[in-house]
Amino acid sequence: MALDLDPPGRLRFAALQSAAGRALLKRSGRAPDDISSIVLVEEDGAYVKSEAVLRIATYLENPVLPAAAALGMLFPSVLRDVVYDAVARNRYELLGMRDECRLGDAGRFQDRFVAED
């Protein structure tokens, strides 16, 4: 979804298990083997769980998501992370499972994925 709602390509992606992902984790003060959550790395810091998701929503070109993210930030992170963890545990039931990887989406998004060197 983030790929489709970010036409300018401001967001880039890396698997946390990859060398690039591990380096980003380390740079952001997290253990390089901590793949327990989504991580958003920005110039001013790194954000995990609900804060990462809400910050990502502000980048997306959808009139509802940035406003919803601003509203979500009003709640304490402890409460937001409980909701995040529940959604993460049940993501396939809630959002479904795909058989394909977006990286292979006809090369359309290939430049958005940080490649292994």
PDB file of N, CA and C in Angstrom:
ATOM      1  N   MET A   1       0.814  -1.185   0.000  1.00  0.00           N
ATOM      2  CA  MET A   1       0.000   0.000   0.000  1.00  0.00           C
ATOM      3  C   MET A   1       0.862   1.257   0.000  1.00  0.00           C
ATOM      4  N   ALA A   2       1.923   1.262   0.803  1.00  0.00           N
ATOM      5  CA  ALA A   2       2.774   2.449   0.863  1.00  0.00           C
ATOM      6  C   ALA A   2       3.405   2.739  -0.498  1.00  0.00           C
ATOM      7  N   LEU A   3       3.752   1.691  -1.234  1.00  0.00           N
ATOM      8  CA  LEU A   3       4.327   1.898  -2.562  1.00  0.00           C
ATOM      9  C   LEU A   3       3.344   2.622  -3.470  1.00  0.00           C
ATOM     10  N   ASP A   4       2.107   2.198  -3.456  1.00  0.00           N
ATOM     11  CA  ASP A   4       1.099   2.788  -4.331  1.00  0.00           C
ATOM     12  C   ASP A   4       0.721   4.210  -3.929  1.00  0.00           C
ATOM     13  N   LEU A   5       0.774   4.513  -2.632  1.00  0.00           N
ATOM     14  CA  LEU A   5       0.355   5.829  -2.153  1.00  0.00           C
ATOM     15  C   LEU A   5       1.512   6.813  -2.003  1.00  0.00           C
ATOM     16  N   ASP A   6       2.673   6.437  -2.521  1.00  0.00           N
ATOM     17  CA  ASP A   6       3.853   7.312  -2.484  1.00  0.00           C
ATOM     18  C   ASP A   6       4.415   7.469  -3.903  1.00  0.00           C
ATOM     19  N   PRO A   7       3.635   8.080  -4.809  1.00  0.00           N
ATOM     20  CA  PRO A   7       4.103   8.214  -6.192  1.00  0.00           C
ATOM     21  C   PRO A   7       5.456   8.912  -6.339  1.00  0.00           C
ATOM     22  N   PRO A   8       5.770   9.936  -5.524  1.00  0.00           N
ATOM     23  CA  PRO A   8       7.085  10.564  -5.685  1.00  0.00           C
ATOM     24  C   PRO A   8       8.248   9.679  -5.227  1.00  0.00           C
ATOM     25  N   GLY A   9       7.937   8.595  -4.523  1.00  0.00           N
ATOM     26  CA  GLY A   9       8.992   7.689  -4.084  1.00  0.00           C
ATOM     27  C   GLY A   9       9.827   8.222  -2.937  1.00  0.00           C
ATOM     28  N   ARG A  10       9.216   8.920  -2.016  1.00  0.00           N
ATOM     29  CA  ARG A  10       9.965   9.445  -0.866  1.00  0.00           C
ATOM     30  C   ARG A  10      10.393   8.343   0.087  1.00  0.00           C
ATOM     31  N   LEU A  11       9.620   7.258   0.135  1.00  0.00           N
ATOM     32  CA  LEU A  11       9.942   6.141   1.036  1.00  0.00           C
ATOM     33  C   LEU A  11      10.767   5.100   0.289  1.00  0.00           C
ATOM     34  N   ARG A  12      11.766   4.566   0.985  1.00  0.00           N
ATOM     35  CA  ARG A  12      12.564   3.455   0.448  1.00  0.00           C
ATOM     36  C   ARG A  12      12.509   2.340   1.465  1.00  0.00           C
ATOM     37  N   PHE A  13      12.724   1.128   1.007  1.00  0.00           N
ATOM     38  CA  PHE A  13      12.520  -0.050   1.835  1.00  0.00           C
ATOM     39  C   PHE A  13      13.754  -0.931   1.850  1.00  0.00           C
ATOM     40  N   ALA A  14      13.998  -1.557   2.997  1.00  0.00           N
ATOM     41  CA  ALA A  14      15.070  -2.540   3.130  1.00  0.00           C
ATOM     42  C   ALA A  14      14.599  -3.618   4.088  1.00  0.00           C
ATOM     43  N   ALA A  15      14.909  -4.845   3.763  1.00  0.00           N
ATOM     44  CA  ALA A  15      14.612  -5.932   4.698  1.00  0.00           C
ATOM     45  C   ALA A  15      15.513  -5.762   5.907  1.00  0.00           C
ATOM     46  N   LEU A  16      14.952  -5.866   7.103  1.00  0.00           N
ATOM     47  CA  LEU A  16      15.758  -5.677   8.303  1.00  0.00           C
ATOM     48  C   LEU A  16      16.859  -6.719   8.426  1.00  0.00           C
ATOM     49  N   GLN A  17      16.670  -7.890   7.807  1.00  0.00           N
ATOM     50  CA  GLN A  17      17.678  -8.949   7.868  1.00  0.00           C
ATOM     51  C   GLN A  17      18.830  -8.706   6.897  1.00  0.00           C
ATOM     52  N   SER A  18      18.664  -7.783   5.958  1.00  0.00           N
ATOM     53  CA  SER A  18      19.701  -7.517   4.956  1.00  0.00           C
ATOM     54  C   SER A  18      20.836  -6.701   5.568  1.00  0.00           C
ATOM     55  N   ALA A  19      21.946  -6.647   4.854  1.00  0.00           N
ATOM     56  CA  ALA A  19      23.088  -5.849   5.320  1.00  0.00           C
ATOM     57  C   ALA A  19      22.683  -4.381   5.465  1.00  0.00           C
ATOM     58  N   ALA A  20      21.928  -3.871   4.494  1.00  0.00           N
ATOM     59  CA  ALA A  20      21.481  -2.474   4.564  1.00  0.00           C
ATOM     60  C   ALA A  20      20.548  -2.267   5.747  1.00  0.00           C
ATOM     61  N   GLY A  21      19.624  -3.193   5.949  1.00  0.00           N
ATOM     62  CA  GLY A  21      18.695  -3.098   7.067  1.00  0.00           C
ATOM     63  C   GLY A  21      19.402  -3.154   8.410  1.00  0.00           C
ATOM     64  N   ARG A  22      20.352  -4.072   8.520  1.00  0.00           N
ATOM     65  CA  ARG A  22      21.120  -4.193   9.766  1.00  0.00           C
ATOM     66  C   ARG A  22      21.915  -2.917  10.036  1.00  0.00           C
ATOM     67  N   ALA A  23      22.482  -2.332   8.994  1.00  0.00           N
ATOM     68  CA  ALA A  23      23.239  -1.082   9.153  1.00  0.00           C
ATOM     69  C   ALA A  23      22.318   0.058   9.599  1.00  0.00           C
ATOM     70  N   LEU A  24      21.108   0.115   9.039  1.00  0.00           N
ATOM     71  CA  LEU A  24      20.161   1.148   9.439  1.00  0.00           C
ATOM     72  C   LEU A  24      19.716   0.955  10.881  1.00  0.00           C
ATOM     73  N   LEU A  25      19.496  -0.300  11.274  1.00  0.00           N
ATOM     74  CA  LEU A  25      19.142  -0.573  12.670  1.00  0.00           C
ATOM     75  C   LEU A  25      20.242  -0.090  13.602  1.00  0.00           C
ATOM     76  N   LYS A  26      21.471  -0.437  13.274  1.00  0.00           N
ATOM     77  CA  LYS A  26      22.606  -0.044  14.120  1.00  0.00           C
ATOM     78  C   LYS A  26      22.726   1.480  14.171  1.00  0.00           C
ATOM     79  N   ARG A  27      22.608   2.135  13.012  1.00  0.00           N
ATOM     80  CA  ARG A  27      22.706   3.598  12.951  1.00  0.00           C
ATOM     81  C   ARG A  27      21.620   4.270  13.788  1.00  0.00           C
ATOM     82  N   SER A  28      20.478   3.609  13.899  1.00  0.00           N
ATOM     83  CA  SER A  28      19.367   4.194  14.639  1.00  0.00           C
ATOM     84  C   SER A  28      19.369   3.808  16.115  1.00  0.00           C
ATOM     85  N   GLY A  29      20.441   3.145  16.561  1.00  0.00           N
ATOM     86  CA  GLY A  29      20.562   2.817  17.977  1.00  0.00           C
ATOM     87  C   GLY A  29      19.881   1.531  18.379  1.00  0.00           C
ATOM     88  N   ARG A  30      19.454   0.742  17.415  1.00  0.00           N
ATOM     89  CA  ARG A  30      18.828  -0.544  17.706  1.00  0.00           C
ATOM     90  C   ARG A  30      19.843  -1.653  17.457  1.00  0.00           C
ATOM     91  N   ALA A  31      19.612  -2.789  18.056  1.00  0.00           N
ATOM     92  CA  ALA A  31      20.485  -3.939  17.823  1.00  0.00           C
ATOM     93  C   ALA A  31      20.341  -4.380  16.368  1.00  0.00           C
ATOM     94  N   PRO A  32      21.442  -4.673  15.693  1.00  0.00           N
ATOM     95  CA  PRO A  32      21.362  -5.036  14.271  1.00  0.00           C
ATOM     96  C   PRO A  32      20.598  -6.332  13.997  1.00  0.00           C
ATOM     97  N   ASP A  33      20.359  -7.105  15.020  1.00  0.00           N
ATOM     98  CA  ASP A  33      19.592  -8.341  14.822  1.00  0.00           C
ATOM     99  C   ASP A  33      18.154  -8.210  15.342  1.00  0.00           C
ATOM    100  N   ASP A  34      17.723  -6.998  15.687  1.00  0.00           N
ATOM    101  CA  ASP A  34      16.370  -6.763  16.181  1.00  0.00           C
ATOM    102  C   ASP A  34      15.427  -6.559  14.999  1.00  0.00           C
ATOM    103  N   ILE A  35      14.765  -7.616  14.601  1.00  0.00           N
ATOM    104  CA  ILE A  35      13.822  -7.528  13.491  1.00  0.00           C
ATOM    105  C   ILE A  35      12.394  -7.659  14.006  1.00  0.00           C
ATOM    106  N   SER A  36      12.183  -7.215  15.231  1.00  0.00           N
ATOM    107  CA  SER A  36      10.897  -7.423  15.895  1.00  0.00           C
ATOM    108  C   SER A  36       9.797  -6.478  15.440  1.00  0.00           C
ATOM    109  N   SER A  37      10.123  -5.444  14.711  1.00  0.00           N
ATOM    110  CA  SER A  37       9.112  -4.449  14.388  1.00  0.00           C
ATOM    111  C   SER A  37       9.499  -3.684  13.137  1.00  0.00           C
ATOM    112  N   ILE A  38       8.532  -2.942  12.621  1.00  0.00           N
ATOM    113  CA  ILE A  38       8.800  -2.017  11.533  1.00  0.00           C
ATOM    114  C   ILE A  38       9.655  -0.876  12.077  1.00  0.00           C
ATOM    115  N   VAL A  39      10.582  -0.407  11.266  1.00  0.00           N
ATOM    116  CA  VAL A  39      11.450   0.696  11.670  1.00  0.00           C
ATOM    117  C   VAL A  39      11.447   1.731  10.552  1.00  0.00           C
ATOM    118  N   LEU A  40      11.235   2.979  10.909  1.00  0.00           N
ATOM    119  CA  LEU A  40      11.352   4.091   9.972  1.00  0.00           C
ATOM    120  C   LEU A  40      12.572   4.891  10.391  1.00  0.00           C
ATOM    121  N   VAL A  41      13.505   5.063   9.480  1.00  0.00           N
ATOM    122  CA  VAL A  41      14.700   5.845   9.768  1.00  0.00           C
ATOM    123  C   VAL A  41      14.585   7.162   9.008  1.00  0.00           C
ATOM    124  N   GLU A  42      14.654   8.253   9.751  1.00  0.00           N
ATOM    125  CA  GLU A  42      14.659   9.590   9.174  1.00  0.00           C
ATOM    126  C   GLU A  42      15.953  10.276   9.601  1.00  0.00           C
ATOM    127  N   GLU A  43      16.214  11.436   9.047  1.00  0.00           N
ATOM    128  CA  GLU A  43      17.449  12.145   9.385  1.00  0.00           C
ATOM    129  C   GLU A  43      17.586  12.401  10.879  1.00  0.00           C
ATOM    130  N   ASP A  44      16.471  12.704  11.535  1.00  0.00           N
ATOM    131  CA  ASP A  44      16.530  13.080  12.948  1.00  0.00           C
ATOM    132  C   ASP A  44      16.378  11.908  13.908  1.00  0.00           C
ATOM    133  N   GLY A  45      16.207  10.689  13.414  1.00  0.00           N
ATOM    134  CA  GLY A  45      16.105   9.554  14.319  1.00  0.00           C
ATOM    135  C   GLY A  45      15.392   8.373  13.695  1.00  0.00           C
ATOM    136  N   ALA A  46      15.181   7.370  14.517  1.00  0.00           N
ATOM    137  CA  ALA A  46      14.500   6.157  14.065  1.00  0.00           C
ATOM    138  C   ALA A  46      13.255   5.952  14.916  1.00  0.00           C
ATOM    139  N   TYR A  47      12.234   5.410  14.300  1.00  0.00           N
ATOM    140  CA  TYR A  47      10.956   5.229  14.962  1.00  0.00           C
ATOM    141  C   TYR A  47      10.476   3.806  14.721  1.00  0.00           C
ATOM    142  N   VAL A  48       9.859   3.221  15.732  1.00  0.00           N
ATOM    143  CA  VAL A  48       9.400   1.838  15.632  1.00  0.00           C
ATOM    144  C   VAL A  48       7.918   1.746  15.955  1.00  0.00           C
ATOM    145  N   LYS A  49       7.370   0.612  15.607  1.00  0.00           N
ATOM    146  CA  LYS A  49       5.991   0.254  15.903  1.00  0.00           C
ATOM    147  C   LYS A  49       5.017   1.349  15.467  1.00  0.00           C
ATOM    148  N   SER A  50       4.130   1.755  16.366  1.00  0.00           N
ATOM    149  CA  SER A  50       3.055   2.674  15.989  1.00  0.00           C
ATOM    150  C   SER A  50       3.587   4.027  15.518  1.00  0.00           C
ATOM    151  N   GLU A  51       4.652   4.497  16.133  1.00  0.00           N
ATOM    152  CA  GLU A  51       5.173   5.801  15.700  1.00  0.00           C
ATOM    153  C   GLU A  51       5.715   5.727  14.284  1.00  0.00           C
ATOM    154  N   ALA A  52       6.350   4.616  13.925  1.00  0.00           N
ATOM    155  CA  ALA A  52       6.834   4.436  12.552  1.00  0.00           C
ATOM    156  C   ALA A  52       5.663   4.433  11.578  1.00  0.00           C
ATOM    157  N   VAL A  53       4.626   3.676  11.894  1.00  0.00           N
ATOM    158  CA  VAL A  53       3.467   3.579  11.009  1.00  0.00           C
ATOM    159  C   VAL A  53       2.793   4.942  10.850  1.00  0.00           C
ATOM    160  N   LEU A  54       2.616   5.664  11.946  1.00  0.00           N
ATOM    161  CA  LEU A  54       1.962   6.972  11.866  1.00  0.00           C
ATOM    162  C   LEU A  54       2.816   7.977  11.092  1.00  0.00           C
ATOM    163  N   ARG A  55       4.121   7.925  11.272  1.00  0.00           N
ATOM    164  CA  ARG A  55       5.000   8.828  10.509  1.00  0.00           C
ATOM    165  C   ARG A  55       5.001   8.466   9.027  1.00  0.00           C
ATOM    166  N   ILE A  56       4.968   7.184   8.712  1.00  0.00           N
ATOM    167  CA  ILE A  56       4.895   6.751   7.313  1.00  0.00           C
ATOM    168  C   ILE A  56       3.612   7.280   6.683  1.00  0.00           C
ATOM    169  N   ALA A  57       2.522   7.236   7.415  1.00  0.00           N
ATOM    170  CA  ALA A  57       1.234   7.720   6.892  1.00  0.00           C
ATOM    171  C   ALA A  57       1.307   9.186   6.468  1.00  0.00           C
ATOM    172  N   THR A  58       2.139   9.973   7.112  1.00  0.00           N
ATOM    173  CA  THR A  58       2.244  11.393   6.751  1.00  0.00           C
ATOM    174  C   THR A  58       2.917  11.585   5.394  1.00  0.00           C
ATOM    175  N   TYR A  59       3.646  10.589   4.917  1.00  0.00           N
ATOM    176  CA  TYR A  59       4.298  10.668   3.611  1.00  0.00           C
ATOM    177  C   TYR A  59       3.360  10.285   2.464  1.00  0.00           C
ATOM    178  N   LEU A  60       2.265   9.634   2.773  1.00  0.00           N
ATOM    179  CA  LEU A  60       1.416   9.053   1.741  1.00  0.00           C
ATOM    180  C   LEU A  60       0.431  10.060   1.175  1.00  0.00           C
ATOM    181  N   GLU A  61       0.199   9.934  -0.115  1.00  0.00           N
ATOM    182  CA  GLU A  61      -0.707  10.843  -0.812  1.00  0.00           C
ATOM    183  C   GLU A  61      -2.119  10.297  -0.758  1.00  0.00           C
ATOM    184  N   ASN A  62      -2.741  10.529   0.364  1.00  0.00           N
ATOM    185  CA  ASN A  62      -4.118  10.143   0.622  1.00  0.00           C
ATOM    186  C   ASN A  62      -4.628  11.160   1.628  1.00  0.00           C
ATOM    187  N   PRO A  63      -5.722  11.826   1.357  1.00  0.00           N
ATOM    188  CA  PRO A  63      -6.151  12.904   2.248  1.00  0.00           C
ATOM    189  C   PRO A  63      -6.516  12.452   3.655  1.00  0.00           C
ATOM    190  N   VAL A  64      -6.868  11.204   3.839  1.00  0.00           N
ATOM    191  CA  VAL A  64      -7.301  10.722   5.145  1.00  0.00           C
ATOM    192  C   VAL A  64      -6.123  10.286   6.019  1.00  0.00           C
ATOM    193  N   LEU A  65      -5.141   9.635   5.441  1.00  0.00           N
ATOM    194  CA  LEU A  65      -4.072   9.034   6.248  1.00  0.00           C
ATOM    195  C   LEU A  65      -3.230  10.036   7.038  1.00  0.00           C
ATOM    196  N   PRO A  66      -2.765  11.123   6.446  1.00  0.00           N
ATOM    197  CA  PRO A  66      -2.014  12.082   7.276  1.00  0.00           C
ATOM    198  C   PRO A  66      -2.833  12.655   8.423  1.00  0.00           C
ATOM    199  N   ALA A  67      -4.113  12.917   8.183  1.00  0.00           N
ATOM    200  CA  ALA A  67      -4.976  13.430   9.251  1.00  0.00           C
ATOM    201  C   ALA A  67      -5.177  12.366  10.330  1.00  0.00           C
ATOM    202  N   ALA A  68      -5.367  11.120   9.916  1.00  0.00           N
ATOM    203  CA  ALA A  68      -5.520  10.025  10.881  1.00  0.00           C
ATOM    204  C   ALA A  68      -4.238   9.840  11.687  1.00  0.00           C
ATOM    205  N   ALA A  69      -3.097  10.004  11.027  1.00  0.00           N
ATOM    206  CA  ALA A  69      -1.818   9.889  11.731  1.00  0.00           C
ATOM    207  C   ALA A  69      -1.680  10.981  12.790  1.00  0.00           C
ATOM    208  N   ALA A  70      -2.049  12.198  12.443  1.00  0.00           N
ATOM    209  CA  ALA A  70      -1.981  13.300  13.408  1.00  0.00           C
ATOM    210  C   ALA A  70      -2.890  13.021  14.599  1.00  0.00           C
ATOM    211  N   LEU A  71      -4.063  12.491  14.338  1.00  0.00           N
ATOM    212  CA  LEU A  71      -4.987  12.132  15.408  1.00  0.00           C
ATOM    213  C   LEU A  71      -4.416  11.000  16.258  1.00  0.00           C
ATOM    214  N   GLY A  72      -3.835  10.008  15.615  1.00  0.00           N
ATOM    215  CA  GLY A  72      -3.241   8.879  16.330  1.00  0.00           C
ATOM    216  C   GLY A  72      -2.116   9.293  17.253  1.00  0.00           C
ATOM    217  N   MET A  73      -1.357  10.298  16.857  1.00  0.00           N
ATOM    218  CA  MET A  73      -0.233  10.766  17.677  1.00  0.00           C
ATOM    219  C   MET A  73      -0.701  11.405  18.985  1.00  0.00           C
ATOM    220  N   LEU A  74      -1.970  11.727  19.089  1.00  0.00           N
ATOM    221  CA  LEU A  74      -2.492  12.300  20.325  1.00  0.00           C
ATOM    222  C   LEU A  74      -2.589  11.266  21.446  1.00  0.00           C
ATOM    223  N   PHE A  75      -2.613   9.987  21.084  1.00  0.00           N
ATOM    224  CA  PHE A  75      -2.709   8.920  22.074  1.00  0.00           C
ATOM    225  C   PHE A  75      -1.319   8.555  22.583  1.00  0.00           C
ATOM    226  N   PRO A  76      -1.207   8.112  23.825  1.00  0.00           N
ATOM    227  CA  PRO A  76       0.106   7.725  24.363  1.00  0.00           C
ATOM    228  C   PRO A  76       0.688   6.546  23.577  1.00  0.00           C
ATOM    229  N   SER A  77       2.001   6.555  23.410  1.00  0.00           N
ATOM    230  CA  SER A  77       2.655   5.509  22.618  1.00  0.00           C
ATOM    231  C   SER A  77       2.416   4.116  23.201  1.00  0.00           C
ATOM    232  N   VAL A  78       2.296   3.999  24.508  1.00  0.00           N
ATOM    233  CA  VAL A  78       2.043   2.689  25.121  1.00  0.00           C
ATOM    234  C   VAL A  78       0.727   2.119  24.601  1.00  0.00           C
ATOM    235  N   LEU A  79      -0.305   2.939  24.551  1.00  0.00           N
ATOM    236  CA  LEU A  79      -1.602   2.500  24.046  1.00  0.00           C
ATOM    237  C   LEU A  79      -1.532   2.209  22.546  1.00  0.00           C
ATOM    238  N   ARG A  80      -0.887   3.097  21.796  1.00  0.00           N
ATOM    239  CA  ARG A  80      -0.759   2.892  20.346  1.00  0.00           C
ATOM    240  C   ARG A  80      -0.014   1.596  20.042  1.00  0.00           C
ATOM    241  N   ASP A  81       1.030   1.308  20.816  1.00  0.00           N
ATOM    242  CA  ASP A  81       1.821   0.102  20.556  1.00  0.00           C
ATOM    243  C   ASP A  81       1.060  -1.174  20.901  1.00  0.00           C
ATOM    244  N   VAL A  82       0.146  -1.114  21.861  1.00  0.00           N
ATOM    245  CA  VAL A  82      -0.711  -2.271  22.148  1.00  0.00           C
ATOM    246  C   VAL A  82      -1.570  -2.574  20.909  1.00  0.00           C
ATOM    247  N   VAL A  83      -2.134  -1.531  20.319  1.00  0.00           N
ATOM    248  CA  VAL A  83      -2.937  -1.700  19.105  1.00  0.00           C
ATOM    249  C   VAL A  83      -2.048  -2.195  17.959  1.00  0.00           C
ATOM    250  N   TYR A  84      -0.863  -1.598  17.811  1.00  0.00           N
ATOM    251  CA  TYR A  84       0.071  -2.025  16.769  1.00  0.00           C
ATOM    252  C   TYR A  84       0.388  -3.513  16.913  1.00  0.00           C
ATOM    253  N   ASP A  85       0.721  -3.946  18.125  1.00  0.00           N
ATOM    254  CA  ASP A  85       1.070  -5.352  18.360  1.00  0.00           C
ATOM    255  C   ASP A  85      -0.096  -6.279  18.024  1.00  0.00           C
ATOM    256  N   ALA A  86      -1.315  -5.874  18.361  1.00  0.00           N
ATOM    257  CA  ALA A  86      -2.493  -6.698  18.055  1.00  0.00           C
ATOM    258  C   ALA A  86      -2.690  -6.819  16.542  1.00  0.00           C
ATOM    259  N   VAL A  87      -2.539  -5.713  15.833  1.00  0.00           N
ATOM    260  CA  VAL A  87      -2.662  -5.754  14.370  1.00  0.00           C
ATOM    261  C   VAL A  87      -1.529  -6.586  13.776  1.00  0.00           C
ATOM    262  N   ALA A  88      -0.308  -6.416  14.265  1.00  0.00           N
ATOM    263  CA  ALA A  88       0.829  -7.168  13.742  1.00  0.00           C
ATOM    264  C   ALA A  88       0.629  -8.670  13.930  1.00  0.00           C
ATOM    265  N   ARG A  89       0.115  -9.071  15.087  1.00  0.00           N
ATOM    266  CA  ARG A  89      -0.122 -10.498  15.359  1.00  0.00           C
ATOM    267  C   ARG A  89      -1.192 -11.077  14.448  1.00  0.00           C
ATOM    268  N   ASN A  90      -2.136 -10.251  14.050  1.00  0.00           N
ATOM    269  CA  ASN A  90      -3.290 -10.727  13.281  1.00  0.00           C
ATOM    270  C   ASN A  90      -3.332 -10.157  11.863  1.00  0.00           C
ATOM    271  N   ARG A  91      -2.184  -9.708  11.356  1.00  0.00           N
ATOM    272  CA  ARG A  91      -2.172  -8.993  10.084  1.00  0.00           C
ATOM    273  C   ARG A  91      -2.697  -9.817   8.916  1.00  0.00           C
ATOM    274  N   TYR A  92      -2.412 -11.108   8.874  1.00  0.00           N
ATOM    275  CA  TYR A  92      -2.883 -11.910   7.740  1.00  0.00           C
ATOM    276  C   TYR A  92      -4.390 -12.086   7.777  1.00  0.00           C
ATOM    277  N   GLU A  93      -4.956 -12.221   8.966  1.00  0.00           N
ATOM    278  CA  GLU A  93      -6.409 -12.326   9.085  1.00  0.00           C
ATOM    279  C   GLU A  93      -7.084 -10.996   8.743  1.00  0.00           C
ATOM    280  N   LEU A  94      -6.459  -9.903   9.138  1.00  0.00           N
ATOM    281  CA  LEU A  94      -7.031  -8.578   8.916  1.00  0.00           C
ATOM    282  C   LEU A  94      -6.810  -8.066   7.489  1.00  0.00           C
ATOM    283  N   LEU A  95      -5.610  -8.280   6.971  1.00  0.00           N
ATOM    284  CA  LEU A  95      -5.227  -7.676   5.700  1.00  0.00           C
ATOM    285  C   LEU A  95      -5.057  -8.671   4.564  1.00  0.00           C
ATOM    286  N   GLY A  96      -5.065  -9.957   4.874  1.00  0.00           N
ATOM    287  CA  GLY A  96      -4.858 -10.976   3.855  1.00  0.00           C
ATOM    288  C   GLY A  96      -3.381 -11.222   3.605  1.00  0.00           C
ATOM    289  N   MET A  97      -3.108 -12.280   2.856  1.00  0.00           N
ATOM    290  CA  MET A  97      -1.729 -12.647   2.538  1.00  0.00           C
ATOM    291  C   MET A  97      -1.575 -12.683   1.030  1.00  0.00           C
ATOM    292  N   ARG A  98      -0.470 -12.177   0.552  1.00  0.00           N
ATOM    293  CA  ARG A  98      -0.190 -12.187  -0.883  1.00  0.00           C
ATOM    294  C   ARG A  98       0.858 -13.247  -1.184  1.00  0.00           C
ATOM    295  N   ASP A  99       0.769 -13.800  -2.374  1.00  0.00           N
ATOM    296  CA  ASP A  99       1.739 -14.797  -2.801  1.00  0.00           C
ATOM    297  C   ASP A  99       2.940 -14.173  -3.497  1.00  0.00           C
ATOM    298  N   GLU A 100       2.811 -12.905  -3.888  1.00  0.00           N
ATOM    299  CA  GLU A 100       3.883 -12.268  -4.637  1.00  0.00           C
ATOM    300  C   GLU A 100       4.541 -11.157  -3.833  1.00  0.00           C
ATOM    301  N   CYS A 101       5.766 -10.840  -4.200  1.00  0.00           N
ATOM    302  CA  CYS A 101       6.528  -9.764  -3.568  1.00  0.00           C
ATOM    303  C   CYS A 101       6.454  -8.542  -4.465  1.00  0.00           C
ATOM    304  N   ARG A 102       6.276  -7.389  -3.899  1.00  0.00           N
ATOM    305  CA  ARG A 102       6.171  -6.159  -4.696  1.00  0.00           C
ATOM    306  C   ARG A 102       7.472  -5.799  -5.382  1.00  0.00           C
ATOM    307  N   LEU A 103       8.590  -6.320  -4.913  1.00  0.00           N
ATOM    308  CA  LEU A 103       9.883  -6.037  -5.546  1.00  0.00           C
ATOM    309  C   LEU A 103       9.848  -6.471  -7.005  1.00  0.00           C
ATOM    310  N   GLY A 104       9.142  -7.549  -7.288  1.00  0.00           N
ATOM    311  CA  GLY A 104       9.067  -8.050  -8.652  1.00  0.00           C
ATOM    312  C   GLY A 104       7.916  -7.455  -9.446  1.00  0.00           C
ATOM    313  N   ASP A 105       7.353  -6.371  -9.004  1.00  0.00           N
ATOM    314  CA  ASP A 105       6.198  -5.749  -9.649  1.00  0.00           C
ATOM    315  C   ASP A 105       6.613  -5.064 -10.954  1.00  0.00           C
ATOM    316  N   ALA A 106       6.986  -5.894 -11.922  1.00  0.00           N
ATOM    317  CA  ALA A 106       7.367  -5.428 -13.264  1.00  0.00           C
ATOM    318  C   ALA A 106       8.450  -4.346 -13.218  1.00  0.00           C
ATOM    319  N   GLY A 107       9.276  -4.373 -12.205  1.00  0.00           N
ATOM    320  CA  GLY A 107      10.358  -3.405 -12.094  1.00  0.00           C
ATOM    321  C   GLY A 107       9.900  -2.006 -11.737  1.00  0.00           C
ATOM    322  N   ARG A 108       8.593  -1.838 -11.578  1.00  0.00           N
ATOM    323  CA  ARG A 108       8.020  -0.517 -11.303  1.00  0.00           C
ATOM    324  C   ARG A 108       8.569   0.108 -10.033  1.00  0.00           C
ATOM    325  N   PHE A 109       8.820  -0.707  -9.027  1.00  0.00           N
ATOM    326  CA  PHE A 109       9.235  -0.186  -7.732  1.00  0.00           C
ATOM    327  C   PHE A 109      10.646  -0.605  -7.357  1.00  0.00           C
ATOM    328  N   GLN A 110      11.374  -1.152  -8.271  1.00  0.00           N
ATOM    329  CA  GLN A 110      12.696  -1.693  -7.959  1.00  0.00           C
ATOM    330  C   GLN A 110      13.615  -0.654  -7.320  1.00  0.00           C
ATOM    331  N   ASP A 111      13.539   0.593  -7.758  1.00  0.00           N
ATOM    332  CA  ASP A 111      14.406   1.637  -7.206  1.00  0.00           C
ATOM    333  C   ASP A 111      14.037   2.033  -5.779  1.00  0.00           C
ATOM    334  N   ARG A 112      12.896   1.567  -5.283  1.00  0.00           N
ATOM    335  CA  ARG A 112      12.478   1.893  -3.914  1.00  0.00           C
ATOM    336  C   ARG A 112      13.057   0.943  -2.880  1.00  0.00           C
ATOM    337  N   PHE A 113      13.603  -0.170  -3.344  1.00  0.00           N
ATOM    338  CA  PHE A 113      14.157  -1.166  -2.430  1.00  0.00           C
ATOM    339  C   PHE A 113      15.665  -1.030  -2.389  1.00  0.00           C
ATOM    340  N   VAL A 114      16.206  -0.892  -1.184  1.00  0.00           N
ATOM    341  CA  VAL A 114      17.651  -0.762  -1.026  1.00  0.00           C
ATOM    342  C   VAL A 114      18.271  -2.104  -1.381  1.00  0.00           C
ATOM    343  N   ALA A 115      19.144  -2.088  -2.374  1.00  0.00           N
ATOM    344  CA  ALA A 115      19.751  -3.322  -2.872  1.00  0.00           C
ATOM    345  C   ALA A 115      20.905  -3.759  -1.987  1.00  0.00           C
ATOM    346  N   GLU A 116      21.136  -5.052  -2.008  1.00  0.00           N
ATOM    347  CA  GLU A 116      22.286  -5.620  -1.295  1.00  0.00           C
ATOM    348  C   GLU A 116      23.542  -5.331  -2.106  1.00  0.00           C
ATOM    349  N   ASP A 117      24.606  -5.002  -1.433  1.00  0.00           N
ATOM    350  CA  ASP A 117      25.889  -4.805  -2.110  1.00  0.00           C
ATOM    351  C   ASP A 117      26.811  -5.953  -1.824  1.00  0.00           C
TER     352      ASP A 117
END
